[in-house]
Amino acid sequence: MIKVLTVGVYDYFHLGHLRLFENAKELGDYLIVAVQDEDFILKTKPNAKILYTTEQRKELVGALRVVDEVVGYTDVDAIVKMIDFDVFAIGEDQNHEGFQKAVEWCKEKGKK
């Protein structure tokens, strides 16, 4: 079984998020979506307007047929080390330093 991991905030859930999940699921058999913790979001972006709590966003994402498992996370470069997966699926706009570190770790560990 090929497990795919993708991560994000998913606060204002939109069609682009659904397309990300659909495309990620095509890369394997089992899709794990990590939803970023609201306290961490506010720590890094204190002026962020969060619509839904972490638990509400996890529930919304988990209700989608394409998603097999939902977990919470804080730092992207930490969650990749904590989850058992084979493929790391990210969007083109997910390129900040934490993502760069996560992608580098994935390459070092033989993840796609």
N, C-alpha and C. Protein backbone atom coordinates (compact mmCIF):
# COMPACT_ATOMS: atom_id res chain seq x y z
N MET A 1 0.85 -1.18 0.00
CA MET A 1 0.00 0.00 0.00
C MET A 1 0.89 1.24 0.00
N ILE A 2 0.60 2.16 -0.89
CA ILE A 2 1.34 3.42 -0.96
C ILE A 2 0.55 4.48 -0.21
N LYS A 3 1.19 5.05 0.82
CA LYS A 3 0.56 6.10 1.63
C LYS A 3 1.06 7.47 1.18
N VAL A 4 0.11 8.38 1.01
CA VAL A 4 0.41 9.74 0.57
C VAL A 4 0.08 10.70 1.71
N LEU A 5 0.98 11.65 1.96
CA LEU A 5 0.77 12.67 2.98
C LEU A 5 0.71 14.04 2.33
N THR A 6 -0.28 14.84 2.72
CA THR A 6 -0.32 16.23 2.33
C THR A 6 -0.69 17.04 3.57
N VAL A 7 -0.31 18.30 3.58
CA VAL A 7 -0.50 19.13 4.77
C VAL A 7 -1.04 20.50 4.40
N GLY A 8 -1.71 21.15 5.36
CA GLY A 8 -2.19 22.51 5.13
C GLY A 8 -3.06 23.00 6.27
N VAL A 9 -3.55 24.22 6.11
CA VAL A 9 -4.41 24.85 7.12
C VAL A 9 -5.87 24.47 6.86
N TYR A 10 -6.33 24.60 5.64
CA TYR A 10 -7.69 24.25 5.21
C TYR A 10 -8.77 24.96 6.02
N ASP A 11 -8.54 26.24 6.32
CA ASP A 11 -9.51 26.98 7.12
C ASP A 11 -10.67 27.44 6.26
N TYR A 12 -10.39 28.11 5.20
CA TYR A 12 -11.46 28.44 4.26
C TYR A 12 -11.35 27.37 3.17
N PHE A 13 -12.04 26.26 3.36
CA PHE A 13 -11.93 25.14 2.44
C PHE A 13 -12.50 25.53 1.08
N HIS A 14 -11.74 25.27 0.02
CA HIS A 14 -12.18 25.65 -1.31
C HIS A 14 -11.85 24.55 -2.33
N LEU A 15 -12.27 24.76 -3.56
CA LEU A 15 -12.12 23.77 -4.61
C LEU A 15 -10.66 23.37 -4.84
N GLY A 16 -9.75 24.31 -4.69
CA GLY A 16 -8.32 24.01 -4.85
C GLY A 16 -7.85 22.96 -3.85
N HIS A 17 -8.38 23.01 -2.62
CA HIS A 17 -8.03 22.01 -1.61
C HIS A 17 -8.54 20.63 -2.04
N LEU A 18 -9.78 20.59 -2.51
CA LEU A 18 -10.34 19.32 -2.95
C LEU A 18 -9.52 18.75 -4.11
N ARG A 19 -9.13 19.59 -5.05
CA ARG A 19 -8.32 19.13 -6.19
C ARG A 19 -6.95 18.62 -5.71
N LEU A 20 -6.36 19.29 -4.72
CA LEU A 20 -5.10 18.82 -4.14
C LEU A 20 -5.28 17.42 -3.59
N PHE A 21 -6.36 17.20 -2.84
CA PHE A 21 -6.61 15.88 -2.25
C PHE A 21 -6.83 14.83 -3.34
N GLU A 22 -7.61 15.18 -4.36
CA GLU A 22 -7.87 14.23 -5.44
C GLU A 22 -6.58 13.86 -6.18
N ASN A 23 -5.77 14.87 -6.48
CA ASN A 23 -4.51 14.61 -7.16
C ASN A 23 -3.55 13.82 -6.29
N ALA A 24 -3.51 14.13 -5.01
CA ALA A 24 -2.64 13.42 -4.08
C ALA A 24 -3.06 11.96 -3.98
N LYS A 25 -4.35 11.71 -3.91
CA LYS A 25 -4.85 10.34 -3.79
C LYS A 25 -4.48 9.50 -5.01
N GLU A 26 -4.37 10.12 -6.17
CA GLU A 26 -3.98 9.41 -7.38
C GLU A 26 -2.53 8.92 -7.32
N LEU A 27 -1.75 9.46 -6.40
CA LEU A 27 -0.35 9.07 -6.26
C LEU A 27 -0.16 7.82 -5.42
N GLY A 28 -1.24 7.34 -4.81
CA GLY A 28 -1.14 6.16 -3.96
C GLY A 28 -2.49 5.56 -3.66
N ASP A 29 -2.51 4.79 -2.56
CA ASP A 29 -3.72 4.05 -2.17
C ASP A 29 -4.41 4.64 -0.95
N TYR A 30 -3.68 5.40 -0.15
CA TYR A 30 -4.17 5.83 1.16
C TYR A 30 -3.72 7.27 1.35
N LEU A 31 -4.68 8.17 1.59
CA LEU A 31 -4.36 9.60 1.73
C LEU A 31 -4.48 10.05 3.18
N ILE A 32 -3.37 10.58 3.69
CA ILE A 32 -3.32 11.17 5.03
C ILE A 32 -3.24 12.68 4.86
N VAL A 33 -4.16 13.40 5.48
CA VAL A 33 -4.15 14.86 5.43
C VAL A 33 -3.84 15.38 6.82
N ALA A 34 -2.79 16.18 6.91
CA ALA A 34 -2.41 16.82 8.17
C ALA A 34 -2.94 18.25 8.18
N VAL A 35 -3.68 18.58 9.22
CA VAL A 35 -4.30 19.90 9.37
C VAL A 35 -3.52 20.68 10.43
N GLN A 36 -3.09 21.88 10.08
CA GLN A 36 -2.25 22.65 10.99
C GLN A 36 -3.03 23.19 12.18
N ASP A 37 -2.42 23.09 13.35
CA ASP A 37 -3.01 23.53 14.61
C ASP A 37 -3.20 25.04 14.64
N GLU A 38 -4.38 25.46 15.10
CA GLU A 38 -4.71 26.89 15.11
C GLU A 38 -3.79 27.72 16.00
N ASP A 39 -3.35 27.17 17.12
CA ASP A 39 -2.44 27.92 18.00
C ASP A 39 -1.11 28.19 17.31
N PHE A 40 -0.64 27.22 16.53
CA PHE A 40 0.61 27.41 15.79
C PHE A 40 0.43 28.44 14.68
N ILE A 41 -0.72 28.41 14.02
CA ILE A 41 -0.99 29.40 12.97
C ILE A 41 -0.92 30.80 13.56
N LEU A 42 -1.57 31.00 14.71
CA LEU A 42 -1.60 32.32 15.34
C LEU A 42 -0.22 32.72 15.87
N LYS A 43 0.58 31.74 16.22
CA LYS A 43 1.94 32.03 16.69
C LYS A 43 2.78 32.61 15.55
N THR A 44 2.62 32.03 14.36
CA THR A 44 3.42 32.48 13.22
C THR A 44 2.76 33.62 12.44
N LYS A 45 1.42 33.71 12.53
CA LYS A 45 0.66 34.77 11.84
C LYS A 45 -0.36 35.33 12.82
N PRO A 46 0.07 36.18 13.75
CA PRO A 46 -0.83 36.65 14.81
C PRO A 46 -2.08 37.39 14.34
N ASN A 47 -2.07 37.91 13.15
CA ASN A 47 -3.24 38.64 12.63
C ASN A 47 -4.17 37.77 11.79
N ALA A 48 -3.90 36.48 11.73
CA ALA A 48 -4.72 35.58 10.92
C ALA A 48 -6.14 35.52 11.47
N LYS A 49 -7.09 35.50 10.57
CA LYS A 49 -8.51 35.36 10.92
C LYS A 49 -8.90 33.90 10.68
N ILE A 50 -8.96 33.12 11.73
CA ILE A 50 -9.27 31.71 11.61
C ILE A 50 -10.78 31.51 11.78
N LEU A 51 -11.39 30.87 10.79
CA LEU A 51 -12.84 30.66 10.81
C LEU A 51 -13.23 29.45 11.67
N TYR A 52 -12.45 28.37 11.56
CA TYR A 52 -12.80 27.12 12.22
C TYR A 52 -11.68 26.66 13.13
N THR A 53 -12.05 26.01 14.22
CA THR A 53 -11.03 25.45 15.13
C THR A 53 -10.30 24.32 14.42
N THR A 54 -9.21 23.90 15.02
CA THR A 54 -8.46 22.77 14.46
C THR A 54 -9.35 21.55 14.36
N GLU A 55 -10.09 21.25 15.41
CA GLU A 55 -10.95 20.06 15.41
C GLU A 55 -12.05 20.16 14.36
N GLN A 56 -12.62 21.35 14.16
CA GLN A 56 -13.65 21.52 13.13
C GLN A 56 -13.06 21.31 11.74
N ARG A 57 -11.86 21.85 11.49
CA ARG A 57 -11.22 21.66 10.19
C ARG A 57 -10.87 20.20 9.96
N LYS A 58 -10.42 19.51 11.00
CA LYS A 58 -10.13 18.09 10.87
C LYS A 58 -11.40 17.30 10.55
N GLU A 59 -12.50 17.68 11.17
CA GLU A 59 -13.78 17.02 10.90
C GLU A 59 -14.24 17.26 9.46
N LEU A 60 -14.13 18.50 9.00
CA LEU A 60 -14.52 18.83 7.63
C LEU A 60 -13.70 18.05 6.62
N VAL A 61 -12.39 18.04 6.79
CA VAL A 61 -11.50 17.33 5.87
C VAL A 61 -11.77 15.83 5.94
N GLY A 62 -11.95 15.31 7.13
CA GLY A 62 -12.17 13.88 7.31
C GLY A 62 -13.48 13.38 6.73
N ALA A 63 -14.42 14.27 6.51
CA ALA A 63 -15.72 13.88 5.94
C ALA A 63 -15.64 13.63 4.43
N LEU A 64 -14.55 14.01 3.82
CA LEU A 64 -14.41 13.82 2.38
C LEU A 64 -14.06 12.38 2.06
N ARG A 65 -14.72 11.81 1.05
CA ARG A 65 -14.49 10.41 0.66
C ARG A 65 -13.05 10.15 0.25
N VAL A 66 -12.40 11.13 -0.34
CA VAL A 66 -11.04 10.95 -0.86
C VAL A 66 -10.00 10.84 0.26
N VAL A 67 -10.34 11.30 1.45
CA VAL A 67 -9.40 11.33 2.59
C VAL A 67 -9.58 10.07 3.43
N ASP A 68 -8.46 9.39 3.71
CA ASP A 68 -8.51 8.18 4.51
C ASP A 68 -8.20 8.41 5.99
N GLU A 69 -7.37 9.42 6.27
CA GLU A 69 -6.96 9.68 7.66
C GLU A 69 -6.63 11.15 7.81
N VAL A 70 -6.96 11.72 8.96
CA VAL A 70 -6.66 13.12 9.26
C VAL A 70 -5.88 13.17 10.56
N VAL A 71 -4.81 13.96 10.56
CA VAL A 71 -4.01 14.17 11.76
C VAL A 71 -3.77 15.66 11.92
N GLY A 72 -3.40 16.07 13.10
CA GLY A 72 -3.03 17.46 13.35
C GLY A 72 -1.52 17.60 13.31
N TYR A 73 -1.06 18.83 13.10
CA TYR A 73 0.39 19.08 13.13
C TYR A 73 0.66 20.55 13.43
N THR A 74 1.91 20.82 13.78
CA THR A 74 2.36 22.20 13.96
C THR A 74 3.33 22.54 12.83
N ASP A 75 4.55 22.02 12.90
CA ASP A 75 5.58 22.31 11.89
C ASP A 75 5.60 21.24 10.81
N VAL A 76 5.62 21.66 9.56
CA VAL A 76 5.63 20.71 8.45
C VAL A 76 6.90 19.87 8.45
N ASP A 77 8.04 20.49 8.82
CA ASP A 77 9.28 19.73 8.81
C ASP A 77 9.35 18.74 9.97
N ALA A 78 8.45 18.84 10.93
CA ALA A 78 8.38 17.86 12.03
C ALA A 78 7.38 16.74 11.70
N ILE A 79 6.26 17.07 11.09
CA ILE A 79 5.23 16.05 10.84
C ILE A 79 5.72 14.99 9.87
N VAL A 80 6.56 15.36 8.91
CA VAL A 80 7.05 14.35 7.97
C VAL A 80 7.89 13.29 8.66
N LYS A 81 8.45 13.64 9.80
CA LYS A 81 9.27 12.69 10.56
C LYS A 81 8.43 11.80 11.48
N MET A 82 7.16 12.17 11.68
CA MET A 82 6.31 11.48 12.64
C MET A 82 5.29 10.54 11.99
N ILE A 83 5.04 10.71 10.70
CA ILE A 83 4.01 9.95 10.00
C ILE A 83 4.65 8.90 9.09
N ASP A 84 4.05 7.73 9.02
CA ASP A 84 4.49 6.69 8.11
C ASP A 84 3.84 6.94 6.75
N PHE A 85 4.62 7.34 5.75
CA PHE A 85 4.10 7.62 4.41
C PHE A 85 5.18 7.33 3.37
N ASP A 86 4.76 7.30 2.12
CA ASP A 86 5.67 7.03 1.01
C ASP A 86 5.84 8.22 0.07
N VAL A 87 4.77 9.01 -0.08
CA VAL A 87 4.76 10.14 -1.02
C VAL A 87 4.32 11.39 -0.27
N PHE A 88 5.05 12.49 -0.46
CA PHE A 88 4.71 13.78 0.13
C PHE A 88 4.16 14.67 -0.97
N ALA A 89 2.87 14.95 -0.93
CA ALA A 89 2.20 15.75 -1.97
C ALA A 89 1.99 17.17 -1.46
N ILE A 90 2.58 18.13 -2.17
CA ILE A 90 2.43 19.53 -1.77
C ILE A 90 1.95 20.36 -2.95
N GLY A 91 1.33 21.48 -2.62
CA GLY A 91 0.89 22.41 -3.65
C GLY A 91 2.03 23.30 -4.09
N GLU A 92 1.89 23.92 -5.24
CA GLU A 92 2.98 24.75 -5.77
C GLU A 92 3.27 25.97 -4.91
N ASP A 93 2.30 26.41 -4.12
CA ASP A 93 2.51 27.58 -3.26
C ASP A 93 3.09 27.20 -1.90
N GLN A 94 3.28 25.93 -1.66
CA GLN A 94 3.82 25.48 -0.38
C GLN A 94 5.34 25.36 -0.53
N ASN A 95 6.03 26.50 -0.33
CA ASN A 95 7.46 26.52 -0.60
C ASN A 95 8.27 27.29 0.44
N HIS A 96 7.68 27.63 1.59
CA HIS A 96 8.45 28.37 2.59
C HIS A 96 9.52 27.46 3.20
N GLU A 97 10.31 28.02 4.09
CA GLU A 97 11.47 27.30 4.64
C GLU A 97 11.12 25.95 5.26
N GLY A 98 10.00 25.89 5.98
CA GLY A 98 9.59 24.62 6.59
C GLY A 98 9.33 23.55 5.54
N PHE A 99 8.69 23.93 4.43
CA PHE A 99 8.45 22.99 3.35
C PHE A 99 9.76 22.57 2.68
N GLN A 100 10.66 23.52 2.52
CA GLN A 100 11.96 23.19 1.92
C GLN A 100 12.69 22.16 2.78
N LYS A 101 12.66 22.34 4.09
CA LYS A 101 13.29 21.38 5.00
C LYS A 101 12.60 20.02 4.92
N ALA A 102 11.26 20.03 4.86
CA ALA A 102 10.50 18.78 4.79
C ALA A 102 10.80 18.03 3.49
N VAL A 103 10.86 18.75 2.39
CA VAL A 103 11.15 18.12 1.10
C VAL A 103 12.56 17.55 1.11
N GLU A 104 13.50 18.27 1.65
CA GLU A 104 14.88 17.78 1.73
C GLU A 104 14.96 16.51 2.56
N TRP A 105 14.24 16.49 3.70
CA TRP A 105 14.21 15.30 4.56
C TRP A 105 13.62 14.13 3.78
N CYS A 106 12.55 14.38 3.04
CA CYS A 106 11.91 13.32 2.24
C CYS A 106 12.89 12.75 1.22
N LYS A 107 13.64 13.62 0.56
CA LYS A 107 14.62 13.15 -0.42
C LYS A 107 15.68 12.28 0.26
N GLU A 108 16.16 12.72 1.42
CA GLU A 108 17.18 11.96 2.15
C GLU A 108 16.69 10.59 2.59
N LYS A 109 15.39 10.48 2.86
CA LYS A 109 14.80 9.24 3.35
C LYS A 109 14.19 8.38 2.25
N GLY A 110 14.33 8.81 1.00
CA GLY A 110 13.82 8.02 -0.11
C GLY A 110 12.32 8.14 -0.35
N LYS A 111 11.72 9.17 0.19
CA LYS A 111 10.29 9.42 -0.05
C LYS A 111 10.14 10.11 -1.40
N LYS A 112 9.02 9.87 -2.03
CA LYS A 112 8.74 10.56 -3.31
C LYS A 112 8.07 11.88 -3.05
